[in-house]
Amino acid sequence: EEIARINQLLKPHERVIKFFIASES
């Protein structure tokens, strides 16, 4: 939901469609 919110602030080609969560910093 947070990434979808941020995507609204970006141009269409800059939007992140899918993501992977890293297990460590």
mmCIF file of all heavy atoms, coordinates in Angstrom:
data_MODEL
# 
_entry.id   MODEL 
# 
loop_
_atom_site.group_PDB 
_atom_site.id 
_atom_site.type_symbol 
_atom_site.label_atom_id 
_atom_site.label_alt_id 
_atom_site.label_comp_id 
_atom_site.label_asym_id 
_atom_site.label_entity_id 
_atom_site.label_seq_id 
_atom_site.pdbx_PDB_ins_code 
_atom_site.Cartn_x 
_atom_site.Cartn_y 
_atom_site.Cartn_z 
_atom_site.occupancy 
_atom_site.B_iso_or_equiv 
_atom_site.pdbx_formal_charge 
_atom_site.auth_seq_id 
_atom_site.auth_comp_id 
_atom_site.auth_asym_id 
_atom_site.auth_atom_id 
_atom_site.pdbx_PDB_model_num 
ATOM 1   N N   . GLU A 1 1  ? 0.828  -1.212  0.000   1.00 0.00 ? 1  GLU A N   1 
ATOM 2   C CA  . GLU A 1 1  ? 0.000  0.000   0.000   1.00 0.00 ? 1  GLU A CA  1 
ATOM 3   C C   . GLU A 1 1  ? 0.860  1.259   0.000   1.00 0.00 ? 1  GLU A C   1 
ATOM 4   O O   . GLU A 1 1  ? 0.541  2.240   -0.683  1.00 0.00 ? 1  GLU A O   1 
ATOM 5   C CB  . GLU A 1 1  ? -0.929 -0.003  1.208   1.00 0.00 ? 1  GLU A CB  1 
ATOM 6   C CG  . GLU A 1 1  ? -2.017 -1.052  1.126   1.00 0.00 ? 1  GLU A CG  1 
ATOM 7   C CD  . GLU A 1 1  ? -2.811 -1.194  2.412   1.00 0.00 ? 1  GLU A CD  1 
ATOM 8   O OE1 . GLU A 1 1  ? -2.487 -0.508  3.415   1.00 0.00 ? 1  GLU A OE1 1 
ATOM 9   O OE2 . GLU A 1 1  ? -3.766 -1.994  2.422   1.00 0.00 ? 1  GLU A OE2 1 
ATOM 10  N N   . GLU A 1 2  ? 1.958  1.232   0.749   1.00 0.00 ? 2  GLU A N   1 
ATOM 11  C CA  . GLU A 1 2  ? 2.857  2.393   0.808   1.00 0.00 ? 2  GLU A CA  1 
ATOM 12  C C   . GLU A 1 2  ? 3.537  2.614   -0.542  1.00 0.00 ? 2  GLU A C   1 
ATOM 13  O O   . GLU A 1 2  ? 3.652  3.747   -1.012  1.00 0.00 ? 2  GLU A O   1 
ATOM 14  C CB  . GLU A 1 2  ? 3.903  2.188   1.909   1.00 0.00 ? 2  GLU A CB  1 
ATOM 15  C CG  . GLU A 1 2  ? 4.842  3.341   2.083   1.00 0.00 ? 2  GLU A CG  1 
ATOM 16  C CD  . GLU A 1 2  ? 4.204  4.598   2.643   1.00 0.00 ? 2  GLU A CD  1 
ATOM 17  O OE1 . GLU A 1 2  ? 2.999  4.596   2.975   1.00 0.00 ? 2  GLU A OE1 1 
ATOM 18  O OE2 . GLU A 1 2  ? 4.899  5.616   2.741   1.00 0.00 ? 2  GLU A OE2 1 
ATOM 19  N N   . ILE A 1 3  ? 3.974  1.557   -1.184  1.00 0.00 ? 3  ILE A N   1 
ATOM 20  C CA  . ILE A 1 3  ? 4.605  1.680   -2.493  1.00 0.00 ? 3  ILE A CA  1 
ATOM 21  C C   . ILE A 1 3  ? 3.598  2.169   -3.525  1.00 0.00 ? 3  ILE A C   1 
ATOM 22  O O   . ILE A 1 3  ? 3.923  3.004   -4.373  1.00 0.00 ? 3  ILE A O   1 
ATOM 23  C CB  . ILE A 1 3  ? 5.266  0.352   -2.901  1.00 0.00 ? 3  ILE A CB  1 
ATOM 24  C CG1 . ILE A 1 3  ? 6.492  0.120   -2.019  1.00 0.00 ? 3  ILE A CG1 1 
ATOM 25  C CG2 . ILE A 1 3  ? 5.645  0.339   -4.372  1.00 0.00 ? 3  ILE A CG2 1 
ATOM 26  C CD1 . ILE A 1 3  ? 7.130  -1.226  -2.155  1.00 0.00 ? 3  ILE A CD1 1 
ATOM 27  N N   . ALA A 1 4  ? 2.370  1.710   -3.445  1.00 0.00 ? 4  ALA A N   1 
ATOM 28  C CA  . ALA A 1 4  ? 1.318  2.195   -4.345  1.00 0.00 ? 4  ALA A CA  1 
ATOM 29  C C   . ALA A 1 4  ? 1.080  3.685   -4.147  1.00 0.00 ? 4  ALA A C   1 
ATOM 30  O O   . ALA A 1 4  ? 0.872  4.426   -5.114  1.00 0.00 ? 4  ALA A O   1 
ATOM 31  C CB  . ALA A 1 4  ? 0.035  1.409   -4.118  1.00 0.00 ? 4  ALA A CB  1 
ATOM 32  N N   . ARG A 1 5  ? 1.117  4.132   -2.898  1.00 0.00 ? 5  ARG A N   1 
ATOM 33  C CA  . ARG A 1 5  ? 0.941  5.561   -2.603  1.00 0.00 ? 5  ARG A CA  1 
ATOM 34  C C   . ARG A 1 5  ? 2.085  6.383   -3.205  1.00 0.00 ? 5  ARG A C   1 
ATOM 35  O O   . ARG A 1 5  ? 1.862  7.408   -3.852  1.00 0.00 ? 5  ARG A O   1 
ATOM 36  C CB  . ARG A 1 5  ? 0.883  5.788   -1.084  1.00 0.00 ? 5  ARG A CB  1 
ATOM 37  C CG  . ARG A 1 5  ? 0.630  7.241   -0.691  1.00 0.00 ? 5  ARG A CG  1 
ATOM 38  C CD  . ARG A 1 5  ? 0.788  7.466   0.796   1.00 0.00 ? 5  ARG A CD  1 
ATOM 39  N NE  . ARG A 1 5  ? 2.154  7.295   1.269   1.00 0.00 ? 5  ARG A NE  1 
ATOM 40  C CZ  . ARG A 1 5  ? 3.128  8.207   1.122   1.00 0.00 ? 5  ARG A CZ  1 
ATOM 41  N NH1 . ARG A 1 5  ? 2.892  9.339   0.482   1.00 0.00 ? 5  ARG A NH1 1 
ATOM 42  N NH2 . ARG A 1 5  ? 4.331  7.985   1.597   1.00 0.00 ? 5  ARG A NH2 1 
ATOM 43  N N   . ILE A 1 6  ? 3.303  5.908   -3.043  1.00 0.00 ? 6  ILE A N   1 
ATOM 44  C CA  . ILE A 1 6  ? 4.472  6.620   -3.577  1.00 0.00 ? 6  ILE A CA  1 
ATOM 45  C C   . ILE A 1 6  ? 4.462  6.589   -5.106  1.00 0.00 ? 6  ILE A C   1 
ATOM 46  O O   . ILE A 1 6  ? 4.847  7.566   -5.755  1.00 0.00 ? 6  ILE A O   1 
ATOM 47  C CB  . ILE A 1 6  ? 5.768  6.028   -3.009  1.00 0.00 ? 6  ILE A CB  1 
ATOM 48  C CG1 . ILE A 1 6  ? 5.824  6.269   -1.491  1.00 0.00 ? 6  ILE A CG1 1 
ATOM 49  C CG2 . ILE A 1 6  ? 6.992  6.643   -3.676  1.00 0.00 ? 6  ILE A CG2 1 
ATOM 50  C CD1 . ILE A 1 6  ? 6.913  5.514   -0.775  1.00 0.00 ? 6  ILE A CD1 1 
ATOM 51  N N   . ASN A 1 7  ? 4.025  5.476   -5.690  1.00 0.00 ? 7  ASN A N   1 
ATOM 52  C CA  . ASN A 1 7  ? 3.955  5.373   -7.154  1.00 0.00 ? 7  ASN A CA  1 
ATOM 53  C C   . ASN A 1 7  ? 3.087  6.470   -7.761  1.00 0.00 ? 7  ASN A C   1 
ATOM 54  O O   . ASN A 1 7  ? 3.331  6.902   -8.887  1.00 0.00 ? 7  ASN A O   1 
ATOM 55  C CB  . ASN A 1 7  ? 3.418  4.001   -7.571  1.00 0.00 ? 7  ASN A CB  1 
ATOM 56  C CG  . ASN A 1 7  ? 4.501  2.946   -7.610  1.00 0.00 ? 7  ASN A CG  1 
ATOM 57  O OD1 . ASN A 1 7  ? 5.690  3.256   -7.705  1.00 0.00 ? 7  ASN A OD1 1 
ATOM 58  N ND2 . ASN A 1 7  ? 4.095  1.697   -7.534  1.00 0.00 ? 7  ASN A ND2 1 
ATOM 59  N N   . GLN A 1 8  ? 2.076  6.922   -7.037  1.00 0.00 ? 8  GLN A N   1 
ATOM 60  C CA  . GLN A 1 8  ? 1.203  7.985   -7.539  1.00 0.00 ? 8  GLN A CA  1 
ATOM 61  C C   . GLN A 1 8  ? 1.966  9.297   -7.725  1.00 0.00 ? 8  GLN A C   1 
ATOM 62  O O   . GLN A 1 8  ? 1.542  10.164  -8.494  1.00 0.00 ? 8  GLN A O   1 
ATOM 63  C CB  . GLN A 1 8  ? 0.008  8.187   -6.606  1.00 0.00 ? 8  GLN A CB  1 
ATOM 64  C CG  . GLN A 1 8  ? -0.906 6.983   -6.518  1.00 0.00 ? 8  GLN A CG  1 
ATOM 65  C CD  . GLN A 1 8  ? -1.440 6.567   -7.880  1.00 0.00 ? 8  GLN A CD  1 
ATOM 66  O OE1 . GLN A 1 8  ? -1.915 7.384   -8.652  1.00 0.00 ? 8  GLN A OE1 1 
ATOM 67  N NE2 . GLN A 1 8  ? -1.333 5.280   -8.184  1.00 0.00 ? 8  GLN A NE2 1 
ATOM 68  N N   . LEU A 1 9  ? 3.084  9.443   -7.023  1.00 0.00 ? 9  LEU A N   1 
ATOM 69  C CA  . LEU A 1 9  ? 3.901  10.653  -7.124  1.00 0.00 ? 9  LEU A CA  1 
ATOM 70  C C   . LEU A 1 9  ? 4.923  10.574  -8.259  1.00 0.00 ? 9  LEU A C   1 
ATOM 71  O O   . LEU A 1 9  ? 5.578  11.562  -8.569  1.00 0.00 ? 9  LEU A O   1 
ATOM 72  C CB  . LEU A 1 9  ? 4.642  10.892  -5.796  1.00 0.00 ? 9  LEU A CB  1 
ATOM 73  C CG  . LEU A 1 9  ? 3.774  10.939  -4.538  1.00 0.00 ? 9  LEU A CG  1 
ATOM 74  C CD1 . LEU A 1 9  ? 4.653  10.996  -3.298  1.00 0.00 ? 9  LEU A CD1 1 
ATOM 75  C CD2 . LEU A 1 9  ? 2.820  12.112  -4.589  1.00 0.00 ? 9  LEU A CD2 1 
ATOM 76  N N   . LEU A 1 10 ? 5.060  9.403   -8.866  1.00 0.00 ? 10 LEU A N   1 
ATOM 77  C CA  . LEU A 1 10 ? 6.054  9.174   -9.914  1.00 0.00 ? 10 LEU A CA  1 
ATOM 78  C C   . LEU A 1 10 ? 5.411  9.142   -11.291 1.00 0.00 ? 10 LEU A C   1 
ATOM 79  O O   . LEU A 1 10 ? 4.207  8.930   -11.424 1.00 0.00 ? 10 LEU A O   1 
ATOM 80  C CB  . LEU A 1 10 ? 6.770  7.841   -9.657  1.00 0.00 ? 10 LEU A CB  1 
ATOM 81  C CG  . LEU A 1 10 ? 7.578  7.741   -8.368  1.00 0.00 ? 10 LEU A CG  1 
ATOM 82  C CD1 . LEU A 1 10 ? 7.965  6.290   -8.109  1.00 0.00 ? 10 LEU A CD1 1 
ATOM 83  C CD2 . LEU A 1 10 ? 8.804  8.620   -8.433  1.00 0.00 ? 10 LEU A CD2 1 
ATOM 84  N N   . LYS A 1 11 ? 6.239  9.323   -12.312 1.00 0.00 ? 11 LYS A N   1 
ATOM 85  C CA  . LYS A 1 11 ? 5.774  9.183   -13.697 1.00 0.00 ? 11 LYS A CA  1 
ATOM 86  C C   . LYS A 1 11 ? 5.446  7.709   -13.946 1.00 0.00 ? 11 LYS A C   1 
ATOM 87  O O   . LYS A 1 11 ? 6.005  6.832   -13.293 1.00 0.00 ? 11 LYS A O   1 
ATOM 88  C CB  . LYS A 1 11 ? 6.859  9.652   -14.659 1.00 0.00 ? 11 LYS A CB  1 
ATOM 89  C CG  . LYS A 1 11 ? 7.191  11.120  -14.511 1.00 0.00 ? 11 LYS A CG  1 
ATOM 90  C CD  . LYS A 1 11 ? 8.350  11.500  -15.394 1.00 0.00 ? 11 LYS A CD  1 
ATOM 91  C CE  . LYS A 1 11 ? 8.740  12.941  -15.144 1.00 0.00 ? 11 LYS A CE  1 
ATOM 92  N NZ  . LYS A 1 11 ? 9.989  13.306  -15.828 1.00 0.00 ? 11 LYS A NZ  1 
ATOM 93  N N   . PRO A 1 12 ? 4.564  7.415   -14.886 1.00 0.00 ? 12 PRO A N   1 
ATOM 94  C CA  . PRO A 1 12 ? 4.159  6.020   -15.128 1.00 0.00 ? 12 PRO A CA  1 
ATOM 95  C C   . PRO A 1 12 ? 5.329  5.052   -15.360 1.00 0.00 ? 12 PRO A C   1 
ATOM 96  O O   . PRO A 1 12 ? 5.318  3.940   -14.858 1.00 0.00 ? 12 PRO A O   1 
ATOM 97  C CB  . PRO A 1 12 ? 3.265  6.107   -16.356 1.00 0.00 ? 12 PRO A CB  1 
ATOM 98  C CG  . PRO A 1 12 ? 2.695  7.485   -16.294 1.00 0.00 ? 12 PRO A CG  1 
ATOM 99  C CD  . PRO A 1 12 ? 3.787  8.350   -15.704 1.00 0.00 ? 12 PRO A CD  1 
ATOM 100 N N   . HIS A 1 13 ? 6.341  5.475   -16.102 1.00 0.00 ? 13 HIS A N   1 
ATOM 101 C CA  . HIS A 1 13 ? 7.461  4.573   -16.377 1.00 0.00 ? 13 HIS A CA  1 
ATOM 102 C C   . HIS A 1 13 ? 8.419  4.442   -15.187 1.00 0.00 ? 13 HIS A C   1 
ATOM 103 O O   . HIS A 1 13 ? 9.268  3.557   -15.178 1.00 0.00 ? 13 HIS A O   1 
ATOM 104 C CB  . HIS A 1 13 ? 8.233  5.028   -17.630 1.00 0.00 ? 13 HIS A CB  1 
ATOM 105 C CG  . HIS A 1 13 ? 8.798  6.406   -17.512 1.00 0.00 ? 13 HIS A CG  1 
ATOM 106 N ND1 . HIS A 1 13 ? 8.061  7.520   -17.825 1.00 0.00 ? 13 HIS A ND1 1 
ATOM 107 C CD2 . HIS A 1 13 ? 10.010 6.846   -17.105 1.00 0.00 ? 13 HIS A CD2 1 
ATOM 108 C CE1 . HIS A 1 13 ? 8.809  8.594   -17.632 1.00 0.00 ? 13 HIS A CE1 1 
ATOM 109 N NE2 . HIS A 1 13 ? 9.980  8.219   -17.178 1.00 0.00 ? 13 HIS A NE2 1 
ATOM 110 N N   . GLU A 1 14 ? 8.285  5.281   -14.172 1.00 0.00 ? 14 GLU A N   1 
ATOM 111 C CA  . GLU A 1 14 ? 9.131  5.221   -12.980 1.00 0.00 ? 14 GLU A CA  1 
ATOM 112 C C   . GLU A 1 14 ? 8.512  4.390   -11.858 1.00 0.00 ? 14 GLU A C   1 
ATOM 113 O O   . GLU A 1 14 ? 9.140  4.157   -10.837 1.00 0.00 ? 14 GLU A O   1 
ATOM 114 C CB  . GLU A 1 14 ? 9.396  6.631   -12.445 1.00 0.00 ? 14 GLU A CB  1 
ATOM 115 C CG  . GLU A 1 14 ? 10.204 7.503   -13.360 1.00 0.00 ? 14 GLU A CG  1 
ATOM 116 C CD  . GLU A 1 14 ? 10.360 8.923   -12.841 1.00 0.00 ? 14 GLU A CD  1 
ATOM 117 O OE1 . GLU A 1 14 ? 9.484  9.389   -12.085 1.00 0.00 ? 14 GLU A OE1 1 
ATOM 118 O OE2 . GLU A 1 14 ? 11.354 9.566   -13.201 1.00 0.00 ? 14 GLU A OE2 1 
ATOM 119 N N   . ARG A 1 15 ? 7.307  3.941   -12.044 1.00 0.00 ? 15 ARG A N   1 
ATOM 120 C CA  . ARG A 1 15 ? 6.594  3.239   -10.976 1.00 0.00 ? 15 ARG A CA  1 
ATOM 121 C C   . ARG A 1 15 ? 7.116  1.823   -10.774 1.00 0.00 ? 15 ARG A C   1 
ATOM 122 O O   . ARG A 1 15 ? 7.420  1.115   -11.726 1.00 0.00 ? 15 ARG A O   1 
ATOM 123 C CB  . ARG A 1 15 ? 5.099  3.211   -11.276 1.00 0.00 ? 15 ARG A CB  1 
ATOM 124 C CG  . ARG A 1 15 ? 4.520  4.599   -11.235 1.00 0.00 ? 15 ARG A CG  1 
ATOM 125 C CD  . ARG A 1 15 ? 3.063  4.631   -11.536 1.00 0.00 ? 15 ARG A CD  1 
ATOM 126 N NE  . ARG A 1 15 ? 2.600  6.022   -11.467 1.00 0.00 ? 15 ARG A NE  1 
ATOM 127 C CZ  . ARG A 1 15 ? 1.515  6.463   -12.012 1.00 0.00 ? 15 ARG A CZ  1 
ATOM 128 N NH1 . ARG A 1 15 ? 0.722  5.641   -12.668 1.00 0.00 ? 15 ARG A NH1 1 
ATOM 129 N NH2 . ARG A 1 15 ? 1.181  7.732   -11.903 1.00 0.00 ? 15 ARG A NH2 1 
ATOM 130 N N   . VAL A 1 16 ? 7.197  1.428   -9.513  1.00 0.00 ? 16 VAL A N   1 
ATOM 131 C CA  . VAL A 1 16 ? 7.618  0.082   -9.136  1.00 0.00 ? 16 VAL A CA  1 
ATOM 132 C C   . VAL A 1 16 ? 6.380  -0.811  -9.159  1.00 0.00 ? 16 VAL A C   1 
ATOM 133 O O   . VAL A 1 16 ? 5.432  -0.589  -8.409  1.00 0.00 ? 16 VAL A O   1 
ATOM 134 C CB  . VAL A 1 16 ? 8.273  0.085   -7.738  1.00 0.00 ? 16 VAL A CB  1 
ATOM 135 C CG1 . VAL A 1 16 ? 8.546  -1.334  -7.266  1.00 0.00 ? 16 VAL A CG1 1 
ATOM 136 C CG2 . VAL A 1 16 ? 9.548  0.924   -7.748  1.00 0.00 ? 16 VAL A CG2 1 
ATOM 137 N N   . ILE A 1 17 ? 6.392  -1.808  -10.019 1.00 0.00 ? 17 ILE A N   1 
ATOM 138 C CA  . ILE A 1 17 ? 5.233  -2.680  -10.196 1.00 0.00 ? 17 ILE A CA  1 
ATOM 139 C C   . ILE A 1 17 ? 5.257  -3.835  -9.192  1.00 0.00 ? 17 ILE A C   1 
ATOM 140 O O   . ILE A 1 17 ? 4.249  -4.165  -8.592  1.00 0.00 ? 17 ILE A O   1 
ATOM 141 C CB  . ILE A 1 17 ? 5.169  -3.219  -11.641 1.00 0.00 ? 17 ILE A CB  1 
ATOM 142 C CG1 . ILE A 1 17 ? 5.196  -2.062  -12.654 1.00 0.00 ? 17 ILE A CG1 1 
ATOM 143 C CG2 . ILE A 1 17 ? 3.942  -4.105  -11.833 1.00 0.00 ? 17 ILE A CG2 1 
ATOM 144 C CD1 . ILE A 1 17 ? 4.089  -1.038  -12.507 1.00 0.00 ? 17 ILE A CD1 1 
ATOM 145 N N   . LYS A 1 18 ? 6.413  -4.451  -9.013  1.00 0.00 ? 18 LYS A N   1 
ATOM 146 C CA  . LYS A 1 18 ? 6.564  -5.554  -8.061  1.00 0.00 ? 18 LYS A CA  1 
ATOM 147 C C   . LYS A 1 18 ? 7.799  -5.300  -7.213  1.00 0.00 ? 18 LYS A C   1 
ATOM 148 O O   . LYS A 1 18 ? 8.700  -4.555  -7.612  1.00 0.00 ? 18 LYS A O   1 
ATOM 149 C CB  . LYS A 1 18 ? 6.706  -6.890  -8.795  1.00 0.00 ? 18 LYS A CB  1 
ATOM 150 C CG  . LYS A 1 18 ? 5.476  -7.283  -9.589  1.00 0.00 ? 18 LYS A CG  1 
ATOM 151 C CD  . LYS A 1 18 ? 5.679  -8.636  -10.229 1.00 0.00 ? 18 LYS A CD  1 
ATOM 152 C CE  . LYS A 1 18 ? 4.443  -9.056  -11.007 1.00 0.00 ? 18 LYS A CE  1 
ATOM 153 N NZ  . LYS A 1 18 ? 4.608  -10.384 -11.605 1.00 0.00 ? 18 LYS A NZ  1 
ATOM 154 N N   . PHE A 1 19 ? 7.860  -5.952  -6.051  1.00 0.00 ? 19 PHE A N   1 
ATOM 155 C CA  . PHE A 1 19 ? 9.016  -5.766  -5.188  1.00 0.00 ? 19 PHE A CA  1 
ATOM 156 C C   . PHE A 1 19 ? 9.326  -7.037  -4.418  1.00 0.00 ? 19 PHE A C   1 
ATOM 157 O O   . PHE A 1 19 ? 8.483  -7.906  -4.249  1.00 0.00 ? 19 PHE A O   1 
ATOM 158 C CB  . PHE A 1 19 ? 8.812  -4.585  -4.242  1.00 0.00 ? 19 PHE A CB  1 
ATOM 159 C CG  . PHE A 1 19 ? 7.690  -4.767  -3.257  1.00 0.00 ? 19 PHE A CG  1 
ATOM 160 C CD1 . PHE A 1 19 ? 7.922  -5.259  -1.978  1.00 0.00 ? 19 PHE A CD1 1 
ATOM 161 C CD2 . PHE A 1 19 ? 6.385  -4.429  -3.601  1.00 0.00 ? 19 PHE A CD2 1 
ATOM 162 C CE1 . PHE A 1 19 ? 6.896  -5.421  -1.080  1.00 0.00 ? 19 PHE A CE1 1 
ATOM 163 C CE2 . PHE A 1 19 ? 5.344  -4.585  -2.709  1.00 0.00 ? 19 PHE A CE2 1 
ATOM 164 C CZ  . PHE A 1 19 ? 5.600  -5.089  -1.437  1.00 0.00 ? 19 PHE A CZ  1 
ATOM 165 N N   . PHE A 1 20 ? 10.565 -7.110  -3.976  1.00 0.00 ? 20 PHE A N   1 
ATOM 166 C CA  . PHE A 1 20 ? 11.050 -8.217  -3.150  1.00 0.00 ? 20 PHE A CA  1 
ATOM 167 C C   . PHE A 1 20 ? 11.557 -7.615  -1.850  1.00 0.00 ? 20 PHE A C   1 
ATOM 168 O O   . PHE A 1 20 ? 12.261 -6.610  -1.865  1.00 0.00 ? 20 PHE A O   1 
ATOM 169 C CB  . PHE A 1 20 ? 12.178 -8.965  -3.872  1.00 0.00 ? 20 PHE A CB  1 
ATOM 170 C CG  . PHE A 1 20 ? 12.762 -10.098 -3.073  1.00 0.00 ? 20 PHE A CG  1 
ATOM 171 C CD1 . PHE A 1 20 ? 12.116 -11.325 -3.014  1.00 0.00 ? 20 PHE A CD1 1 
ATOM 172 C CD2 . PHE A 1 20 ? 13.948 -9.943  -2.383  1.00 0.00 ? 20 PHE A CD2 1 
ATOM 173 C CE1 . PHE A 1 20 ? 12.641 -12.368 -2.288  1.00 0.00 ? 20 PHE A CE1 1 
ATOM 174 C CE2 . PHE A 1 20 ? 14.477 -10.980 -1.642  1.00 0.00 ? 20 PHE A CE2 1 
ATOM 175 C CZ  . PHE A 1 20 ? 13.829 -12.194 -1.593  1.00 0.00 ? 20 PHE A CZ  1 
ATOM 176 N N   . ILE A 1 21 ? 11.210 -8.228  -0.735  1.00 0.00 ? 21 ILE A N   1 
ATOM 177 C CA  . ILE A 1 21 ? 11.650 -7.723  0.568   1.00 0.00 ? 21 ILE A CA  1 
ATOM 178 C C   . ILE A 1 21 ? 12.924 -8.455  0.969   1.00 0.00 ? 21 ILE A C   1 
ATOM 179 O O   . ILE A 1 21 ? 12.937 -9.688  1.076   1.00 0.00 ? 21 ILE A O   1 
ATOM 180 C CB  . ILE A 1 21 ? 10.561 -7.929  1.639   1.00 0.00 ? 21 ILE A CB  1 
ATOM 181 C CG1 . ILE A 1 21 ? 9.289  -7.198  1.228   1.00 0.00 ? 21 ILE A CG1 1 
ATOM 182 C CG2 . ILE A 1 21 ? 11.049 -7.452  3.001   1.00 0.00 ? 21 ILE A CG2 1 
ATOM 183 C CD1 . ILE A 1 21 ? 8.101  -7.469  2.120   1.00 0.00 ? 21 ILE A CD1 1 
ATOM 184 N N   . ALA A 1 22 ? 13.992 -7.692  1.165   1.00 0.00 ? 22 ALA A N   1 
ATOM 185 C CA  . ALA A 1 22 ? 15.269 -8.275  1.596   1.00 0.00 ? 22 ALA A CA  1 
ATOM 186 C C   . ALA A 1 22 ? 15.167 -8.690  3.055   1.00 0.00 ? 22 ALA A C   1 
ATOM 187 O O   . ALA A 1 22 ? 14.527 -8.017  3.863   1.00 0.00 ? 22 ALA A O   1 
ATOM 188 C CB  . ALA A 1 22 ? 16.393 -7.268  1.411   1.00 0.00 ? 22 ALA A CB  1 
ATOM 189 N N   . SER A 1 23 ? 15.816 -9.788  3.383   1.00 0.00 ? 23 SER A N   1 
ATOM 190 C CA  . SER A 1 23 ? 15.720 -10.334 4.743   1.00 0.00 ? 23 SER A CA  1 
ATOM 191 C C   . SER A 1 23 ? 16.647 -9.637  5.730   1.00 0.00 ? 23 SER A C   1 
ATOM 192 O O   . SER A 1 23 ? 16.453 -9.735  6.929   1.00 0.00 ? 23 SER A O   1 
ATOM 193 C CB  . SER A 1 23 ? 16.021 -11.828 4.718   1.00 0.00 ? 23 SER A CB  1 
ATOM 194 O OG  . SER A 1 23 ? 17.313 -12.047 4.185   1.00 0.00 ? 23 SER A OG  1 
ATOM 195 N N   . GLU A 1 24 ? 17.657 -8.946  5.228   1.00 0.00 ? 24 GLU A N   1 
ATOM 196 C CA  . GLU A 1 24 ? 18.586 -8.264  6.132   1.00 0.00 ? 24 GLU A CA  1 
ATOM 197 C C   . GLU A 1 24 ? 18.982 -6.903  5.578   1.00 0.00 ? 24 GLU A C   1 
ATOM 198 O O   . GLU A 1 24 ? 18.906 -6.652  4.387   1.00 0.00 ? 24 GLU A O   1 
ATOM 199 C CB  . GLU A 1 24 ? 19.827 -9.110  6.374   1.00 0.00 ? 24 GLU A CB  1 
ATOM 200 C CG  . GLU A 1 24 ? 20.626 -9.381  5.122   1.00 0.00 ? 24 GLU A CG  1 
ATOM 201 C CD  . GLU A 1 24 ? 21.838 -10.265 5.372   1.00 0.00 ? 24 GLU A CD  1 
ATOM 202 O OE1 . GLU A 1 24 ? 21.838 -11.041 6.338   1.00 0.00 ? 24 GLU A OE1 1 
ATOM 203 O OE2 . GLU A 1 24 ? 22.780 -10.181 4.573   1.00 0.00 ? 24 GLU A OE2 1 
ATOM 204 N N   . SER A 1 25 ? 19.409 -6.035  6.470   1.00 0.00 ? 25 SER A N   1 
ATOM 205 C CA  . SER A 1 25 ? 19.828 -4.690  6.097   1.00 0.00 ? 25 SER A CA  1 
ATOM 206 C C   . SER A 1 25 ? 21.102 -4.755  5.260   1.00 0.00 ? 25 SER A C   1 
ATOM 207 O O   . SER A 1 25 ? 21.917 -5.660  5.426   1.00 0.00 ? 25 SER A O   1 
ATOM 208 C CB  . SER A 1 25 ? 20.075 -3.856  7.359   1.00 0.00 ? 25 SER A CB  1 
ATOM 209 O OG  . SER A 1 25 ? 20.638 -2.618  7.022   1.00 0.00 ? 25 SER A OG  1 
# 
